[in-house]
Amino acid sequence: MNIVFMGTPDFAAAALSELVKAHNVRAVFTQPDKPKNRGKKMLPPAVKVCAETYNIPVYQPVSLRKGEDAESSLEILKQLSPDCIVVAAYGQILPESILSLPRYGCVNIHASLLPKYRGAAPIQRCIIDGENVSGVTTMLMEKGLDTGDMLLTKSVDIPDDMTAGELHDILARLGGELIIETLDKLEKGEITPVKQDNSLSCYAGMISKEMCLIDFSQPAKRVYDIIRGMSPAPCAFTYLEGKRLKVYFAALSDMTSDMTAGTVVNTSDFTVVCGDGNCIRLAEIQAEGGKRMNSASFLNGFKIPQGTVLR
């Protein structure tokens, strides 16, 4: 097939890498370069970097829905005349003029088992919610947000200690495999699209920085799942003696305590009591201005006073 690919982050780049092996990817649409890190240097999205390694033309319109960018993008797509537009974590809503353009429609690769976890942050949200299974769904796109008819799915079990970053990498690989299978079966007429059951849906909205502040008044299992779901980015954090402390990973502890939630009840291994009296051990952390390290290394150089409460 002649394909136009639309996507932005690493998850999408993994699918693009698979597509170029099996189909003619004529062009890539991705978000504009953005300033990142402390120096605010303009950096390209992962999909742009991937596309350039394959010498695929790259377009970076600010909007596909309004303005000159939208008009010129539509004309470019008409000239390219793709059999299918494949979309993965693009970050823009496609107008009907584009959705109706390809022969086989626009196919989205979504990192959840739809209709659960529609929206921008399905991987993080399912870990935060303590789910034990996730997966990838390909679907035909329509005007709604992740509401189109489903084509194929692949599922994966989520171990109790898996982070969002680890699940992301697995689902990115599955997404690449599934889109190849989906396009093959679409071309052969071997797929019957399935309507989503809206009664089973839930929304996975963007993760805000405010959500990353750990609330130790919640049950230990909930705190543990939030830390896993935020790791490695945007990363859960707390405050130790007024300075930010990122927490990349924790472990559930056998300890219990009736002390105030957030109290470090064992200063030798960084065990903290939560709202239900159960405890978690902060296992991998990063102090403000420091490097990411295990808590044992951190505690070798920093002694936590007895009675310290993380805020």
Foldseek 3Di string as FASTA:
>chain_A
DEEEEAAFAPLRLLLVVLCVVPHRHQAYEAAAFWQDDPVRDTDGTPNVVSCVVVPHHYDHANACPDDPSVVVVLVVCLVSQGQEYEYEHRPYQHDPSQQPRHVLGYKYKDWFDPPEAFERQSLLVCLLVVHQKTWIWIFHDDRDGPQGFTWDIDMDTDDNFAASVNSSVVRSNRSNVVVVVRVVCSVVVNTDTHGGDVVPYDYDYDDDPVLQEQAQLDAPSSSQSNQRSCPPPPFHWWDFPRWIKGFNHKAWDPFFDPDDGQFQQDQQQRWTAGNVRTIITRFWMATVVGDIDGVNVVCVPDGRDHGTGID
